[in-house]
């Protein structure tokens, strides 16, 4: 059975980030963690929830639409 608590290195691997990044996020309190005595541990369920809450939508904004239309317009002129 896998532990539901991960060390810094295990949690970094789980999130596919560098351990130093996870330590910085922990110090900045950007990510949920738990202190068990002197150990900092990460609950898999907390990490999954945090990740879901921090999902960025991949919407195309007006700027991207304008660039695409200009590119298509100029590309057709050179063909």
C-alpha atoms as a PDB file:
ATOM      1  CA  UNK A   1       0.000   0.000   0.000  1.00  0.00           C
ATOM      2  CA  UNK A   2       1.300   3.440  -0.957  1.00  0.00           C
ATOM      3  CA  UNK A   3       1.454   6.094   1.736  1.00  0.00           C
ATOM      4  CA  UNK A   4      -0.963   8.959   1.239  1.00  0.00           C
ATOM      5  CA  UNK A   5       1.781  11.292   2.479  1.00  0.00           C
ATOM      6  CA  UNK A   6       4.756  12.192   0.321  1.00  0.00           C
ATOM      7  CA  UNK A   7       8.131  13.687   1.153  1.00  0.00           C
ATOM      8  CA  UNK A   8       9.315  16.798  -0.675  1.00  0.00           C
ATOM      9  CA  UNK A   9      11.193  14.753  -3.278  1.00  0.00           C
ATOM     10  CA  UNK A  10       8.291  12.340  -3.789  1.00  0.00           C
ATOM     11  CA  UNK A  11       5.753  15.160  -4.080  1.00  0.00           C
ATOM     12  CA  UNK A  12       7.974  17.039  -6.540  1.00  0.00           C
ATOM     13  CA  UNK A  13       8.234  13.919  -8.669  1.00  0.00           C
ATOM     14  CA  UNK A  14       4.453  13.426  -8.419  1.00  0.00           C
ATOM     15  CA  UNK A  15       3.877  17.013  -9.607  1.00  0.00           C
ATOM     16  CA  UNK A  16       6.714  16.782 -12.160  1.00  0.00           C
ATOM     17  CA  UNK A  17       8.532  19.813 -10.799  1.00  0.00           C
ATOM     18  CA  UNK A  18      11.956  20.318  -9.227  1.00  0.00           C
ATOM     19  CA  UNK A  19      12.253  19.675  -5.473  1.00  0.00           C
ATOM     20  CA  UNK A  20      13.684  23.182  -5.042  1.00  0.00           C
ATOM     21  CA  UNK A  21      10.560  24.668  -6.667  1.00  0.00           C
ATOM     22  CA  UNK A  22       8.342  22.737  -4.263  1.00  0.00           C
ATOM     23  CA  UNK A  23      10.425  23.911  -1.277  1.00  0.00           C
ATOM     24  CA  UNK A  24      10.059  27.523  -2.465  1.00  0.00           C
ATOM     25  CA  UNK A  25       6.283  27.130  -2.944  1.00  0.00           C
ATOM     26  CA  UNK A  26       6.080  25.650   0.556  1.00  0.00           C
ATOM     27  CA  UNK A  27       7.975  28.591   2.074  1.00  0.00           C
ATOM     28  CA  UNK A  28       5.702  30.978   0.158  1.00  0.00           C
ATOM     29  CA  UNK A  29       2.661  28.929   1.271  1.00  0.00           C
ATOM     30  CA  UNK A  30       1.510  28.520  -2.339  1.00  0.00           C
ATOM     31  CA  UNK A  31       0.841  24.802  -1.968  1.00  0.00           C
ATOM     32  CA  UNK A  32      -0.801  22.768   0.807  1.00  0.00           C
ATOM     33  CA  UNK A  33       1.520  20.884   3.138  1.00  0.00           C
ATOM     34  CA  UNK A  34       1.521  19.393   6.604  1.00  0.00           C
ATOM     35  CA  UNK A  35       4.083  19.494   9.368  1.00  0.00           C
ATOM     36  CA  UNK A  36       4.601  16.256  11.262  1.00  0.00           C
ATOM     37  CA  UNK A  37       7.170  17.191  13.866  1.00  0.00           C
ATOM     38  CA  UNK A  38      10.104  18.559  11.912  1.00  0.00           C
ATOM     39  CA  UNK A  39       9.031  16.846   8.686  1.00  0.00           C
ATOM     40  CA  UNK A  40       7.155  18.579   5.894  1.00  0.00           C
ATOM     41  CA  UNK A  41       4.780  16.183   4.176  1.00  0.00           C
ATOM     42  CA  UNK A  42       2.344  16.483   1.306  1.00  0.00           C
ATOM     43  CA  UNK A  43      -0.987  14.668   1.149  1.00  0.00           C
ATOM     44  CA  UNK A  44      -1.738  13.245  -2.311  1.00  0.00           C
ATOM     45  CA  UNK A  45      -5.409  14.261  -2.033  1.00  0.00           C
ATOM     46  CA  UNK A  46      -4.407  17.844  -1.134  1.00  0.00           C
ATOM     47  CA  UNK A  47      -2.011  17.999  -4.087  1.00  0.00           C
ATOM     48  CA  UNK A  48      -4.678  16.700  -6.467  1.00  0.00           C
ATOM     49  CA  UNK A  49      -7.209  19.265  -5.203  1.00  0.00           C
ATOM     50  CA  UNK A  50      -4.654  22.075  -5.385  1.00  0.00           C
ATOM     51  CA  UNK A  51      -3.738  21.081  -8.934  1.00  0.00           C
ATOM     52  CA  UNK A  52      -7.396  21.010 -10.023  1.00  0.00           C
ATOM     53  CA  UNK A  53      -7.998  24.459  -8.478  1.00  0.00           C
ATOM     54  CA  UNK A  54      -4.986  25.882 -10.306  1.00  0.00           C
ATOM     55  CA  UNK A  55      -5.887  24.636 -13.770  1.00  0.00           C
ATOM     56  CA  UNK A  56      -5.492  27.321 -16.420  1.00  0.00           C
ATOM     57  CA  UNK A  57      -8.003  27.394 -19.252  1.00  0.00           C
ATOM     58  CA  UNK A  58      -6.503  27.386 -22.710  1.00  0.00           C
ATOM     59  CA  UNK A  59      -8.826  30.002 -24.157  1.00  0.00           C
ATOM     60  CA  UNK A  60      -7.732  31.854 -27.234  1.00  0.00           C
ATOM     61  CA  UNK A  61      -7.978  35.576 -26.621  1.00  0.00           C
ATOM     62  CA  UNK A  62      -8.732  38.364 -29.089  1.00  0.00           C
ATOM     63  CA  UNK A  63      -5.036  39.110 -29.516  1.00  0.00           C
ATOM     64  CA  UNK A  64      -4.377  35.559 -30.711  1.00  0.00           C
ATOM     65  CA  UNK A  65      -7.347  35.750 -33.082  1.00  0.00           C
ATOM     66  CA  UNK A  66      -6.060  39.007 -34.577  1.00  0.00           C
ATOM     67  CA  UNK A  67      -2.567  37.607 -35.066  1.00  0.00           C
ATOM     68  CA  UNK A  68      -3.950  34.491 -36.739  1.00  0.00           C
ATOM     69  CA  UNK A  69      -6.101  36.481 -39.142  1.00  0.00           C
ATOM     70  CA  UNK A  70      -3.230  38.842 -40.027  1.00  0.00           C
ATOM     71  CA  UNK A  71      -0.904  35.910 -40.613  1.00  0.00           C
ATOM     72  CA  UNK A  72      -3.441  34.240 -42.886  1.00  0.00           C
ATOM     73  CA  UNK A  73      -4.021  37.490 -44.793  1.00  0.00           C
ATOM     74  CA  UNK A  74      -0.335  38.172 -45.415  1.00  0.00           C
ATOM     75  CA  UNK A  75       0.493  34.555 -46.139  1.00  0.00           C
ATOM     76  CA  UNK A  76      -2.055  34.434 -48.955  1.00  0.00           C
ATOM     77  CA  UNK A  77      -0.467  37.535 -50.529  1.00  0.00           C
ATOM     78  CA  UNK A  78       2.893  35.779 -50.871  1.00  0.00           C
ATOM     79  CA  UNK A  79       1.604  32.527 -52.331  1.00  0.00           C
END
